[in-house]
N, C-alpha and C. Protein backbone atom coordinates (compact mmCIF):
# COMPACT_ATOMS: atom_id res chain seq x y z
N UNK A 1 -15.11 -5.09 -104.74
CA UNK A 1 -14.55 -6.17 -103.94
C UNK A 1 -15.66 -6.94 -103.22
N UNK A 2 -15.41 -8.23 -103.00
CA UNK A 2 -16.41 -9.06 -102.34
C UNK A 2 -16.80 -8.52 -100.98
N UNK A 3 -15.81 -8.10 -100.20
CA UNK A 3 -16.11 -7.65 -98.84
C UNK A 3 -17.01 -6.41 -98.85
N UNK A 4 -16.82 -5.50 -99.84
CA UNK A 4 -17.67 -4.32 -99.93
C UNK A 4 -19.11 -4.69 -100.28
N UNK A 5 -19.28 -5.68 -101.14
CA UNK A 5 -20.62 -6.15 -101.49
C UNK A 5 -21.31 -6.76 -100.27
N UNK A 6 -20.52 -7.50 -99.49
CA UNK A 6 -21.08 -8.11 -98.28
C UNK A 6 -21.49 -7.05 -97.28
N UNK A 7 -20.65 -6.02 -97.10
CA UNK A 7 -20.98 -4.94 -96.18
C UNK A 7 -22.25 -4.22 -96.61
N UNK A 8 -22.39 -3.98 -97.91
CA UNK A 8 -23.59 -3.33 -98.42
C UNK A 8 -24.83 -4.19 -98.16
N UNK A 9 -24.68 -5.49 -98.37
CA UNK A 9 -25.79 -6.42 -98.12
C UNK A 9 -26.23 -6.35 -96.66
N UNK A 10 -25.26 -6.33 -95.74
CA UNK A 10 -25.59 -6.27 -94.31
C UNK A 10 -26.32 -4.98 -93.98
N UNK A 11 -25.86 -3.87 -94.55
CA UNK A 11 -26.51 -2.58 -94.30
C UNK A 11 -27.96 -2.60 -94.77
N UNK A 12 -28.18 -3.15 -95.97
CA UNK A 12 -29.53 -3.18 -96.53
C UNK A 12 -30.43 -4.07 -95.68
N UNK A 13 -29.93 -5.25 -95.30
CA UNK A 13 -30.74 -6.19 -94.53
C UNK A 13 -31.04 -5.66 -93.13
N UNK A 14 -30.06 -5.01 -92.51
CA UNK A 14 -30.27 -4.51 -91.15
C UNK A 14 -31.05 -3.21 -91.12
N UNK A 15 -30.97 -2.45 -92.23
CA UNK A 15 -31.63 -1.16 -92.27
C UNK A 15 -30.98 -0.12 -91.38
N UNK A 16 -29.76 -0.40 -90.97
CA UNK A 16 -29.08 0.51 -90.05
C UNK A 16 -27.65 0.77 -90.52
N UNK A 17 -27.16 1.95 -90.14
CA UNK A 17 -25.75 2.28 -90.37
C UNK A 17 -25.02 2.04 -89.04
N UNK A 18 -24.59 0.82 -88.87
CA UNK A 18 -23.92 0.45 -87.62
C UNK A 18 -22.42 0.69 -87.75
N UNK A 19 -21.69 0.51 -86.65
CA UNK A 19 -20.26 0.84 -86.68
C UNK A 19 -19.48 -0.12 -87.56
N UNK A 20 -18.30 0.36 -87.97
CA UNK A 20 -17.48 -0.38 -88.94
C UNK A 20 -17.08 -1.75 -88.42
N UNK A 21 -16.73 -1.85 -87.14
CA UNK A 21 -16.27 -3.12 -86.59
C UNK A 21 -17.38 -4.17 -86.65
N UNK A 22 -18.63 -3.73 -86.44
CA UNK A 22 -19.75 -4.66 -86.56
C UNK A 22 -19.81 -5.23 -87.97
N UNK A 23 -19.74 -4.36 -88.96
CA UNK A 23 -19.80 -4.82 -90.34
C UNK A 23 -18.65 -5.77 -90.67
N UNK A 24 -17.46 -5.43 -90.20
CA UNK A 24 -16.31 -6.28 -90.48
C UNK A 24 -16.46 -7.65 -89.84
N UNK A 25 -16.95 -7.70 -88.62
CA UNK A 25 -17.15 -8.99 -87.95
C UNK A 25 -18.19 -9.83 -88.68
N UNK A 26 -19.28 -9.18 -89.10
CA UNK A 26 -20.31 -9.92 -89.83
C UNK A 26 -19.78 -10.39 -91.18
N UNK A 27 -19.00 -9.55 -91.84
CA UNK A 27 -18.43 -9.93 -93.14
C UNK A 27 -17.49 -11.13 -92.99
N UNK A 28 -16.67 -11.12 -91.94
CA UNK A 28 -15.76 -12.24 -91.70
C UNK A 28 -16.54 -13.54 -91.48
N UNK A 29 -17.64 -13.45 -90.73
CA UNK A 29 -18.45 -14.64 -90.49
C UNK A 29 -19.00 -15.21 -91.79
N UNK A 30 -19.49 -14.30 -92.65
CA UNK A 30 -20.05 -14.73 -93.92
C UNK A 30 -18.99 -15.35 -94.81
N UNK A 31 -17.83 -14.70 -94.91
CA UNK A 31 -16.75 -15.21 -95.75
C UNK A 31 -16.29 -16.57 -95.24
N UNK A 32 -16.10 -16.70 -93.91
CA UNK A 32 -15.65 -17.97 -93.34
C UNK A 32 -16.65 -19.08 -93.64
N UNK A 33 -17.91 -18.80 -93.42
CA UNK A 33 -18.94 -19.82 -93.63
C UNK A 33 -19.01 -20.23 -95.11
N UNK A 34 -19.08 -19.26 -96.00
CA UNK A 34 -19.18 -19.58 -97.42
C UNK A 34 -17.95 -20.33 -97.92
N UNK A 35 -16.77 -19.91 -97.45
CA UNK A 35 -15.54 -20.57 -97.90
C UNK A 35 -15.50 -22.02 -97.43
N UNK A 36 -15.77 -22.25 -96.14
CA UNK A 36 -15.71 -23.61 -95.61
C UNK A 36 -16.76 -24.51 -96.26
N UNK A 37 -17.96 -23.98 -96.43
CA UNK A 37 -19.01 -24.79 -97.06
C UNK A 37 -18.66 -25.11 -98.51
N UNK A 38 -18.01 -24.16 -99.18
CA UNK A 38 -17.61 -24.42 -100.58
C UNK A 38 -16.59 -25.53 -100.68
N UNK A 39 -15.87 -25.78 -99.59
CA UNK A 39 -14.87 -26.86 -99.55
C UNK A 39 -15.44 -28.16 -98.99
N UNK A 40 -16.73 -28.16 -98.70
CA UNK A 40 -17.37 -29.37 -98.22
C UNK A 40 -17.30 -29.59 -96.73
N UNK A 41 -16.90 -28.57 -95.97
CA UNK A 41 -16.80 -28.69 -94.52
C UNK A 41 -18.19 -28.59 -93.90
N UNK A 42 -18.47 -29.47 -92.95
CA UNK A 42 -19.74 -29.44 -92.23
C UNK A 42 -19.60 -28.52 -91.02
N UNK A 43 -20.22 -27.35 -91.09
CA UNK A 43 -20.16 -26.38 -90.01
C UNK A 43 -21.40 -25.49 -90.13
N UNK A 44 -21.54 -24.55 -89.20
CA UNK A 44 -22.68 -23.64 -89.22
C UNK A 44 -22.20 -22.20 -89.22
N UNK A 45 -23.09 -21.30 -89.59
CA UNK A 45 -22.73 -19.88 -89.68
C UNK A 45 -22.25 -19.36 -88.33
N UNK A 46 -21.10 -18.70 -88.33
CA UNK A 46 -20.56 -18.11 -87.12
C UNK A 46 -19.78 -19.07 -86.24
N UNK A 47 -19.67 -20.33 -86.63
CA UNK A 47 -18.96 -21.32 -85.81
C UNK A 47 -17.45 -21.13 -85.86
N UNK A 48 -16.91 -20.69 -86.99
CA UNK A 48 -15.47 -20.68 -87.20
C UNK A 48 -14.97 -19.27 -87.49
N UNK A 49 -13.89 -18.88 -86.81
CA UNK A 49 -13.21 -17.63 -87.09
C UNK A 49 -11.95 -17.93 -87.88
N UNK A 50 -11.81 -17.30 -89.04
CA UNK A 50 -10.65 -17.50 -89.90
C UNK A 50 -9.78 -16.25 -89.91
N UNK A 51 -8.49 -16.42 -89.72
CA UNK A 51 -7.50 -15.38 -89.97
C UNK A 51 -6.66 -15.88 -91.14
N UNK A 52 -6.95 -15.38 -92.32
CA UNK A 52 -6.40 -15.98 -93.53
C UNK A 52 -7.21 -17.22 -93.89
N UNK A 53 -7.06 -17.69 -95.12
CA UNK A 53 -7.84 -18.83 -95.58
C UNK A 53 -7.05 -20.12 -95.45
N UNK A 54 -7.63 -21.14 -94.80
CA UNK A 54 -6.95 -22.43 -94.70
C UNK A 54 -6.98 -23.16 -96.04
N UNK A 55 -6.08 -24.12 -96.19
CA UNK A 55 -6.09 -25.00 -97.36
C UNK A 55 -6.86 -26.26 -96.98
N UNK A 56 -7.91 -26.54 -97.73
CA UNK A 56 -8.75 -27.69 -97.42
C UNK A 56 -8.90 -28.57 -98.66
N UNK A 57 -8.60 -29.85 -98.50
CA UNK A 57 -8.74 -30.82 -99.59
C UNK A 57 -9.54 -32.00 -99.05
N UNK A 58 -10.75 -32.16 -99.56
CA UNK A 58 -11.66 -33.18 -99.05
C UNK A 58 -11.88 -34.26 -100.09
N UNK A 59 -11.53 -35.49 -99.73
CA UNK A 59 -11.74 -36.63 -100.63
C UNK A 59 -13.24 -36.89 -100.77
N UNK A 60 -13.73 -37.20 -101.96
CA UNK A 60 -15.16 -37.48 -102.13
C UNK A 60 -15.64 -38.56 -101.16
N UNK A 61 -16.75 -38.29 -100.50
CA UNK A 61 -17.32 -39.25 -99.57
C UNK A 61 -16.84 -39.11 -98.14
N UNK A 62 -15.73 -38.42 -97.92
CA UNK A 62 -15.19 -38.23 -96.58
C UNK A 62 -15.93 -37.09 -95.88
N UNK A 63 -15.60 -36.89 -94.59
CA UNK A 63 -16.27 -35.83 -93.82
C UNK A 63 -15.25 -35.00 -93.06
N UNK A 64 -15.45 -33.69 -93.09
CA UNK A 64 -14.71 -32.75 -92.25
C UNK A 64 -15.75 -31.95 -91.48
N UNK A 65 -15.71 -32.06 -90.15
CA UNK A 65 -16.71 -31.42 -89.29
C UNK A 65 -16.00 -30.43 -88.37
N UNK A 66 -16.49 -29.20 -88.31
CA UNK A 66 -15.92 -28.21 -87.40
C UNK A 66 -17.05 -27.64 -86.55
N UNK A 67 -16.91 -27.76 -85.25
CA UNK A 67 -17.95 -27.30 -84.31
C UNK A 67 -17.78 -25.81 -83.98
N UNK A 68 -18.54 -25.34 -83.01
CA UNK A 68 -18.62 -23.91 -82.71
C UNK A 68 -17.37 -23.38 -82.01
N UNK A 69 -17.15 -22.08 -82.20
CA UNK A 69 -16.10 -21.33 -81.51
C UNK A 69 -14.70 -21.88 -81.79
N UNK A 70 -14.48 -22.31 -83.02
CA UNK A 70 -13.16 -22.78 -83.46
C UNK A 70 -12.46 -21.65 -84.20
N UNK A 71 -11.14 -21.51 -83.95
CA UNK A 71 -10.34 -20.49 -84.62
C UNK A 71 -9.23 -21.16 -85.43
N UNK A 72 -9.14 -20.80 -86.70
CA UNK A 72 -8.08 -21.30 -87.58
C UNK A 72 -7.23 -20.11 -88.03
N UNK A 73 -5.96 -20.12 -87.64
CA UNK A 73 -5.07 -19.01 -87.97
C UNK A 73 -4.11 -19.44 -89.07
N UNK A 74 -4.26 -18.82 -90.24
CA UNK A 74 -3.40 -19.09 -91.39
C UNK A 74 -2.53 -17.91 -91.77
N UNK A 75 -2.74 -16.78 -91.12
CA UNK A 75 -2.01 -15.55 -91.39
C UNK A 75 -0.89 -15.38 -90.37
N UNK A 76 0.38 -15.37 -90.79
CA UNK A 76 1.50 -15.25 -89.84
C UNK A 76 1.44 -14.00 -88.99
N UNK A 77 0.79 -12.95 -89.49
CA UNK A 77 0.68 -11.70 -88.73
C UNK A 77 -0.11 -11.90 -87.44
N UNK A 78 -1.00 -12.89 -87.43
CA UNK A 78 -1.89 -13.10 -86.30
C UNK A 78 -1.31 -14.00 -85.22
N UNK A 79 -0.12 -14.56 -85.46
CA UNK A 79 0.47 -15.45 -84.46
C UNK A 79 1.96 -15.17 -84.35
N UNK A 80 2.44 -14.71 -83.20
CA UNK A 80 3.84 -14.31 -83.06
C UNK A 80 4.83 -15.48 -83.08
N UNK A 81 4.33 -16.73 -83.05
CA UNK A 81 5.25 -17.87 -83.09
C UNK A 81 5.88 -18.06 -84.46
N UNK A 82 5.33 -17.41 -85.49
CA UNK A 82 5.91 -17.50 -86.82
C UNK A 82 5.45 -18.71 -87.59
N UNK A 83 4.15 -18.77 -87.89
CA UNK A 83 3.64 -19.90 -88.66
C UNK A 83 4.17 -19.84 -90.10
N UNK A 84 4.45 -21.00 -90.64
CA UNK A 84 5.13 -21.09 -91.95
C UNK A 84 4.18 -21.26 -93.12
N UNK A 85 2.94 -21.63 -92.86
CA UNK A 85 2.00 -21.89 -93.95
C UNK A 85 0.58 -21.84 -93.39
N UNK A 86 -0.42 -21.78 -94.26
CA UNK A 86 -1.80 -21.78 -93.78
C UNK A 86 -2.15 -23.09 -93.08
N UNK A 87 -3.19 -23.06 -92.28
CA UNK A 87 -3.76 -24.31 -91.78
C UNK A 87 -4.11 -25.19 -92.98
N UNK A 88 -3.71 -26.47 -92.92
CA UNK A 88 -3.99 -27.40 -94.01
C UNK A 88 -4.75 -28.59 -93.45
N UNK A 89 -5.94 -28.83 -93.98
CA UNK A 89 -6.79 -29.92 -93.53
C UNK A 89 -7.15 -30.77 -94.74
N UNK A 90 -6.84 -32.07 -94.68
CA UNK A 90 -7.09 -32.91 -95.85
C UNK A 90 -7.50 -34.32 -95.45
N UNK A 91 -8.40 -34.90 -96.25
CA UNK A 91 -8.79 -36.29 -96.11
C UNK A 91 -8.33 -37.07 -97.34
N UNK A 92 -8.05 -38.37 -97.14
CA UNK A 92 -7.39 -39.13 -98.21
C UNK A 92 -8.06 -40.47 -98.51
N UNK A 93 -9.31 -40.62 -98.10
CA UNK A 93 -10.10 -41.80 -98.47
C UNK A 93 -11.57 -41.44 -98.30
N UNK A 94 -12.43 -42.23 -98.92
CA UNK A 94 -13.87 -41.93 -98.85
C UNK A 94 -14.44 -42.14 -97.45
N UNK A 95 -13.76 -42.95 -96.63
CA UNK A 95 -14.25 -43.21 -95.27
C UNK A 95 -13.59 -42.34 -94.21
N UNK A 96 -12.72 -41.44 -94.61
CA UNK A 96 -11.96 -40.62 -93.66
C UNK A 96 -12.85 -39.61 -92.95
N UNK A 97 -12.46 -39.28 -91.71
CA UNK A 97 -13.19 -38.30 -90.91
C UNK A 97 -12.21 -37.42 -90.16
N UNK A 98 -12.42 -36.11 -90.23
CA UNK A 98 -11.74 -35.15 -89.35
C UNK A 98 -12.83 -34.39 -88.61
N UNK A 99 -12.76 -34.41 -87.29
CA UNK A 99 -13.75 -33.71 -86.47
C UNK A 99 -13.02 -32.82 -85.48
N UNK A 100 -13.22 -31.52 -85.60
CA UNK A 100 -12.62 -30.52 -84.71
C UNK A 100 -13.73 -29.98 -83.83
N UNK A 101 -13.62 -30.20 -82.53
CA UNK A 101 -14.71 -29.86 -81.61
C UNK A 101 -14.59 -28.43 -81.09
N UNK A 102 -15.59 -27.99 -80.36
CA UNK A 102 -15.76 -26.59 -80.00
C UNK A 102 -14.64 -26.04 -79.14
N UNK A 103 -14.35 -24.76 -79.36
CA UNK A 103 -13.38 -24.05 -78.55
C UNK A 103 -11.93 -24.27 -78.92
N UNK A 104 -11.66 -25.04 -79.94
CA UNK A 104 -10.29 -25.37 -80.32
C UNK A 104 -9.67 -24.27 -81.18
N UNK A 105 -8.36 -24.05 -80.99
CA UNK A 105 -7.61 -23.09 -81.79
C UNK A 105 -6.44 -23.75 -82.47
N UNK A 106 -6.27 -23.45 -83.76
CA UNK A 106 -5.23 -24.10 -84.57
C UNK A 106 -4.48 -23.04 -85.35
N UNK A 107 -3.14 -23.08 -85.28
CA UNK A 107 -2.30 -22.08 -85.96
C UNK A 107 -1.36 -22.75 -86.94
N UNK A 108 -1.60 -22.56 -88.22
CA UNK A 108 -0.68 -23.03 -89.25
C UNK A 108 -0.38 -24.51 -89.18
N UNK A 109 -1.30 -25.31 -88.68
CA UNK A 109 -1.08 -26.74 -88.52
C UNK A 109 -1.52 -27.51 -89.76
N UNK A 110 -1.03 -28.76 -89.86
CA UNK A 110 -1.42 -29.67 -90.93
C UNK A 110 -2.10 -30.87 -90.31
N UNK A 111 -3.31 -31.17 -90.78
CA UNK A 111 -4.07 -32.31 -90.27
C UNK A 111 -4.46 -33.17 -91.46
N UNK A 112 -3.99 -34.43 -91.47
CA UNK A 112 -4.26 -35.34 -92.58
C UNK A 112 -4.91 -36.60 -92.05
N UNK A 113 -5.99 -37.03 -92.66
CA UNK A 113 -6.69 -38.23 -92.23
C UNK A 113 -6.98 -39.13 -93.42
N UNK A 114 -6.49 -40.38 -93.34
CA UNK A 114 -6.92 -41.43 -94.25
C UNK A 114 -7.93 -42.32 -93.55
N UNK A 115 -7.96 -42.25 -92.21
CA UNK A 115 -8.92 -42.98 -91.41
C UNK A 115 -9.72 -42.00 -90.55
N UNK A 116 -9.11 -41.51 -89.44
CA UNK A 116 -9.87 -40.66 -88.54
C UNK A 116 -8.93 -39.83 -87.67
N UNK A 117 -9.21 -38.54 -87.58
CA UNK A 117 -8.55 -37.64 -86.63
C UNK A 117 -9.65 -36.91 -85.87
N UNK A 118 -9.70 -37.13 -84.56
CA UNK A 118 -10.70 -36.49 -83.71
C UNK A 118 -9.97 -35.57 -82.74
N UNK A 119 -10.32 -34.29 -82.77
CA UNK A 119 -9.71 -33.28 -81.89
C UNK A 119 -10.80 -32.76 -80.96
N UNK A 120 -10.57 -32.88 -79.66
CA UNK A 120 -11.58 -32.59 -78.66
C UNK A 120 -11.82 -31.11 -78.45
N UNK A 121 -12.48 -30.80 -77.35
CA UNK A 121 -12.88 -29.43 -77.04
C UNK A 121 -11.73 -28.66 -76.40
N UNK A 122 -11.63 -27.38 -76.77
CA UNK A 122 -10.67 -26.45 -76.16
C UNK A 122 -9.24 -26.95 -76.26
N UNK A 123 -8.89 -27.51 -77.41
CA UNK A 123 -7.53 -27.96 -77.68
C UNK A 123 -6.75 -26.80 -78.29
N UNK A 124 -5.50 -26.62 -77.85
CA UNK A 124 -4.62 -25.58 -78.40
C UNK A 124 -3.54 -26.26 -79.24
N UNK A 125 -3.56 -26.00 -80.54
CA UNK A 125 -2.61 -26.62 -81.46
C UNK A 125 -1.70 -25.52 -81.99
N UNK A 126 -0.43 -25.56 -81.59
CA UNK A 126 0.51 -24.49 -81.85
C UNK A 126 0.99 -24.42 -83.29
N UNK A 127 1.81 -23.40 -83.55
CA UNK A 127 2.27 -23.12 -84.90
C UNK A 127 2.99 -24.29 -85.55
N UNK A 128 2.56 -24.63 -86.77
CA UNK A 128 3.24 -25.60 -87.63
C UNK A 128 3.22 -27.03 -87.10
N UNK A 129 2.26 -27.34 -86.24
CA UNK A 129 2.08 -28.72 -85.78
C UNK A 129 1.58 -29.58 -86.95
N UNK A 130 1.98 -30.86 -86.95
CA UNK A 130 1.50 -31.81 -87.96
C UNK A 130 0.84 -33.00 -87.26
N UNK A 131 -0.34 -33.37 -87.73
CA UNK A 131 -1.08 -34.51 -87.18
C UNK A 131 -1.43 -35.43 -88.34
N UNK A 132 -0.89 -36.66 -88.33
CA UNK A 132 -1.10 -37.61 -89.42
C UNK A 132 -1.63 -38.93 -88.86
N UNK A 133 -2.67 -39.48 -89.47
CA UNK A 133 -3.11 -40.82 -89.07
C UNK A 133 -2.65 -41.89 -90.06
N UNK A 134 -1.73 -41.53 -90.93
CA UNK A 134 -1.27 -42.43 -91.98
C UNK A 134 0.23 -42.24 -92.22
N UNK A 135 0.85 -43.30 -92.75
CA UNK A 135 2.27 -43.21 -93.16
C UNK A 135 2.42 -42.58 -94.54
N UNK A 136 1.32 -42.43 -95.27
CA UNK A 136 1.30 -41.86 -96.62
C UNK A 136 1.86 -42.81 -97.68
N UNK A 137 2.86 -43.60 -97.33
CA UNK A 137 3.45 -44.56 -98.28
C UNK A 137 3.63 -45.91 -97.60
N UNK A 138 3.60 -46.96 -98.39
CA UNK A 138 3.88 -48.30 -97.86
C UNK A 138 5.34 -48.39 -97.42
N UNK A 139 5.61 -49.28 -96.45
CA UNK A 139 6.99 -49.46 -95.97
C UNK A 139 7.84 -50.16 -97.02
N UNK A 140 7.26 -51.13 -97.71
CA UNK A 140 8.00 -51.88 -98.73
C UNK A 140 8.43 -50.97 -99.87
N UNK A 141 9.70 -51.07 -100.25
CA UNK A 141 10.23 -50.24 -101.34
C UNK A 141 9.50 -50.50 -102.64
N UNK A 142 9.09 -51.73 -102.88
CA UNK A 142 8.41 -52.07 -104.13
C UNK A 142 7.00 -51.52 -104.20
N UNK A 143 6.43 -51.22 -103.04
CA UNK A 143 5.05 -50.74 -102.99
C UNK A 143 4.95 -49.26 -102.62
N UNK A 144 6.10 -48.63 -102.45
CA UNK A 144 6.13 -47.29 -101.86
C UNK A 144 5.66 -46.21 -102.83
N UNK A 145 5.85 -46.43 -104.11
CA UNK A 145 5.58 -45.37 -105.07
C UNK A 145 4.21 -45.56 -105.72
N UNK A 146 3.63 -44.45 -106.15
CA UNK A 146 2.31 -44.49 -106.75
C UNK A 146 1.23 -44.37 -105.69
N UNK A 147 0.00 -44.51 -106.13
CA UNK A 147 -1.16 -44.33 -105.25
C UNK A 147 -1.51 -45.67 -104.61
N UNK A 148 -0.80 -46.01 -103.53
CA UNK A 148 -0.94 -47.30 -102.89
C UNK A 148 -1.56 -47.18 -101.50
N UNK A 149 -2.66 -46.47 -101.40
CA UNK A 149 -3.27 -46.23 -100.10
C UNK A 149 -3.72 -47.52 -99.42
N UNK A 150 -4.14 -48.52 -100.20
CA UNK A 150 -4.63 -49.76 -99.59
C UNK A 150 -3.52 -50.53 -98.87
N UNK A 151 -2.28 -50.25 -99.20
CA UNK A 151 -1.15 -50.92 -98.55
C UNK A 151 -0.39 -49.99 -97.60
N UNK A 152 -0.97 -48.85 -97.34
CA UNK A 152 -0.35 -47.88 -96.43
C UNK A 152 -0.98 -48.00 -95.05
N UNK A 153 -0.16 -48.09 -94.03
CA UNK A 153 -0.67 -48.22 -92.67
C UNK A 153 -1.36 -46.94 -92.22
N UNK A 154 -2.50 -47.12 -91.56
CA UNK A 154 -3.22 -45.97 -91.00
C UNK A 154 -3.94 -46.42 -89.75
N UNK A 155 -3.96 -45.54 -88.76
CA UNK A 155 -4.64 -45.78 -87.49
C UNK A 155 -5.20 -44.45 -86.98
N UNK A 156 -6.38 -44.46 -86.37
CA UNK A 156 -6.99 -43.19 -85.95
C UNK A 156 -6.19 -42.48 -84.87
N UNK A 157 -6.32 -41.16 -84.87
CA UNK A 157 -5.70 -40.29 -83.86
C UNK A 157 -6.81 -39.63 -83.05
N UNK A 158 -6.68 -39.70 -81.72
CA UNK A 158 -7.65 -39.07 -80.83
C UNK A 158 -6.93 -38.10 -79.89
N UNK A 159 -7.35 -36.86 -79.89
CA UNK A 159 -6.77 -35.84 -79.01
C UNK A 159 -7.90 -35.35 -78.11
N UNK A 160 -7.75 -35.58 -76.81
CA UNK A 160 -8.84 -35.30 -75.87
C UNK A 160 -8.92 -33.81 -75.54
N UNK A 161 -9.91 -33.45 -74.75
CA UNK A 161 -10.18 -32.06 -74.41
C UNK A 161 -9.01 -31.39 -73.69
N UNK A 162 -8.82 -30.11 -73.94
CA UNK A 162 -7.90 -29.23 -73.23
C UNK A 162 -6.43 -29.65 -73.37
N UNK A 163 -6.12 -30.39 -74.40
CA UNK A 163 -4.72 -30.72 -74.71
C UNK A 163 -4.03 -29.49 -75.32
N UNK A 164 -2.75 -29.35 -75.02
CA UNK A 164 -1.93 -28.30 -75.63
C UNK A 164 -0.78 -28.96 -76.37
N UNK A 165 -0.70 -28.72 -77.68
CA UNK A 165 0.37 -29.28 -78.51
C UNK A 165 1.27 -28.12 -78.94
N UNK A 166 2.53 -28.15 -78.49
CA UNK A 166 3.45 -27.06 -78.75
C UNK A 166 3.88 -26.97 -80.20
N UNK A 167 4.41 -25.81 -80.56
CA UNK A 167 4.78 -25.51 -81.95
C UNK A 167 5.73 -26.57 -82.52
N UNK A 168 5.52 -26.89 -83.80
CA UNK A 168 6.38 -27.77 -84.59
C UNK A 168 6.36 -29.23 -84.14
N UNK A 169 5.45 -29.59 -83.24
CA UNK A 169 5.33 -30.99 -82.83
C UNK A 169 4.68 -31.81 -83.95
N UNK A 170 4.94 -33.12 -83.93
CA UNK A 170 4.35 -34.05 -84.89
C UNK A 170 3.65 -35.16 -84.12
N UNK A 171 2.40 -35.40 -84.45
CA UNK A 171 1.62 -36.48 -83.84
C UNK A 171 1.33 -37.51 -84.93
N UNK A 172 1.75 -38.76 -84.69
CA UNK A 172 1.66 -39.79 -85.72
C UNK A 172 0.52 -40.76 -85.48
N UNK A 173 0.31 -41.64 -86.43
CA UNK A 173 -0.84 -42.54 -86.48
C UNK A 173 -0.98 -43.36 -85.19
N UNK A 174 -2.23 -43.62 -84.82
CA UNK A 174 -2.53 -44.48 -83.69
C UNK A 174 -2.38 -43.86 -82.33
N UNK A 175 -2.04 -42.59 -82.26
CA UNK A 175 -1.78 -41.93 -80.98
C UNK A 175 -3.09 -41.45 -80.35
N UNK A 176 -3.20 -41.67 -79.05
CA UNK A 176 -4.28 -41.11 -78.24
C UNK A 176 -3.63 -40.21 -77.20
N UNK A 177 -4.04 -38.95 -77.14
CA UNK A 177 -3.50 -38.01 -76.16
C UNK A 177 -4.60 -37.70 -75.14
N UNK A 178 -4.31 -37.99 -73.88
CA UNK A 178 -5.31 -37.86 -72.83
C UNK A 178 -5.63 -36.43 -72.48
N UNK A 179 -6.72 -36.25 -71.78
CA UNK A 179 -7.25 -34.95 -71.42
C UNK A 179 -6.22 -34.10 -70.67
N UNK A 180 -6.10 -32.83 -71.07
CA UNK A 180 -5.26 -31.82 -70.41
C UNK A 180 -3.76 -32.12 -70.51
N UNK A 181 -3.36 -33.07 -71.33
CA UNK A 181 -1.93 -33.35 -71.52
C UNK A 181 -1.27 -32.24 -72.34
N UNK A 182 0.06 -32.18 -72.24
CA UNK A 182 0.84 -31.18 -72.97
C UNK A 182 1.93 -31.89 -73.77
N UNK A 183 2.07 -31.52 -75.04
CA UNK A 183 3.15 -32.01 -75.90
C UNK A 183 4.14 -30.88 -76.09
N UNK A 184 5.39 -31.11 -75.70
CA UNK A 184 6.41 -30.07 -75.81
C UNK A 184 6.71 -29.69 -77.25
N UNK A 185 7.14 -28.45 -77.44
CA UNK A 185 7.46 -27.95 -78.77
C UNK A 185 8.51 -28.82 -79.45
N UNK A 186 8.30 -29.11 -80.73
CA UNK A 186 9.26 -29.87 -81.51
C UNK A 186 9.25 -31.35 -81.25
N UNK A 187 8.33 -31.83 -80.46
CA UNK A 187 8.29 -33.26 -80.12
C UNK A 187 7.71 -34.09 -81.25
N UNK A 188 8.06 -35.39 -81.27
CA UNK A 188 7.48 -36.35 -82.21
C UNK A 188 6.77 -37.41 -81.38
N UNK A 189 5.44 -37.40 -81.43
CA UNK A 189 4.64 -38.30 -80.59
C UNK A 189 4.32 -39.56 -81.39
N UNK A 190 4.89 -40.67 -80.97
CA UNK A 190 4.71 -41.95 -81.67
C UNK A 190 3.85 -42.92 -80.88
N UNK A 191 3.66 -42.64 -79.57
CA UNK A 191 2.88 -43.52 -78.72
C UNK A 191 1.88 -42.70 -77.91
N UNK A 192 0.83 -43.36 -77.45
CA UNK A 192 -0.24 -42.67 -76.74
C UNK A 192 0.24 -42.11 -75.40
N UNK A 193 -0.42 -41.03 -74.98
CA UNK A 193 -0.09 -40.33 -73.75
C UNK A 193 -1.29 -40.34 -72.81
N UNK A 194 -1.08 -40.58 -71.51
CA UNK A 194 -2.21 -40.50 -70.57
C UNK A 194 -2.62 -39.06 -70.30
N UNK A 195 -3.69 -38.89 -69.58
CA UNK A 195 -4.18 -37.56 -69.24
C UNK A 195 -3.25 -36.88 -68.24
N UNK A 196 -3.17 -35.55 -68.34
CA UNK A 196 -2.52 -34.75 -67.33
C UNK A 196 -1.02 -34.91 -67.20
N UNK A 197 -0.34 -35.16 -68.31
CA UNK A 197 1.11 -35.31 -68.27
C UNK A 197 1.76 -34.41 -69.32
N UNK A 198 3.05 -34.19 -69.16
CA UNK A 198 3.88 -33.50 -70.15
C UNK A 198 4.80 -34.51 -70.79
N UNK A 199 4.74 -34.60 -72.12
CA UNK A 199 5.67 -35.41 -72.90
C UNK A 199 6.48 -34.47 -73.79
N UNK A 200 7.75 -34.82 -74.01
CA UNK A 200 8.58 -34.01 -74.91
C UNK A 200 9.71 -34.87 -75.44
N UNK A 201 10.26 -34.43 -76.59
CA UNK A 201 11.42 -35.10 -77.16
C UNK A 201 11.10 -35.83 -78.45
N UNK A 202 12.12 -36.49 -79.00
CA UNK A 202 11.99 -37.26 -80.23
C UNK A 202 12.69 -38.61 -80.06
N UNK A 203 11.89 -39.68 -79.85
CA UNK A 203 10.43 -39.70 -79.70
C UNK A 203 10.01 -39.10 -78.35
N UNK A 204 8.78 -38.61 -78.29
CA UNK A 204 8.30 -37.96 -77.07
C UNK A 204 8.23 -38.96 -75.91
N UNK A 205 8.71 -38.52 -74.75
CA UNK A 205 8.71 -39.36 -73.55
C UNK A 205 8.15 -38.58 -72.38
N UNK A 206 7.75 -39.34 -71.35
CA UNK A 206 7.21 -38.74 -70.14
C UNK A 206 8.23 -37.81 -69.49
N UNK A 207 7.79 -36.61 -69.13
CA UNK A 207 8.63 -35.66 -68.42
C UNK A 207 8.13 -35.50 -66.99
N UNK A 208 6.85 -35.20 -66.83
CA UNK A 208 6.29 -35.04 -65.48
C UNK A 208 4.78 -34.99 -65.56
N UNK A 209 4.15 -35.14 -64.38
CA UNK A 209 2.72 -34.90 -64.27
C UNK A 209 2.48 -33.40 -64.20
N UNK A 210 1.29 -33.00 -64.64
CA UNK A 210 0.95 -31.57 -64.62
C UNK A 210 0.03 -31.31 -63.42
């Protein structure tokens, strides 16, 4: 098995018989790094902790950047909220950018960028959240089918530091969520939110200051 080969490699390189948990942690770091790099993600060794493997689809020429101390949870066993699928990260044009900054945790979420999705530091993204910067299809019925990205509306999404997005929420194109704001579970965010507020509902509306 791959993990056994990795453990043996660590033993040989270190010259020591260290405890099992050390080897497992080092093996996870290696697997995470190699997997993400194989998918074209820009990250560094030890930056990302993976529980299960995320689904990553990177359009040629686009960029996916993940900074330090980021956790991606794709295994339902690791999150009691009941995530329905692995973390899914995808870009859909050569100019697209997804940037996940340090300290952020994501559980079973879907992030799609045809333009730009920027997620700040120490953001908590709950189970099965969806973040889209595109409509995916044109509004016109005659243009809706087929690969019509040039006629599909897209606007960047910016999520500031320390935001908490509750489980099953949806964040749509053009939305800016201010620092330390909270999105209630199951909400659909269609308009930008200021810092330090709670929004909830469909469409999400102001509930109170935090």
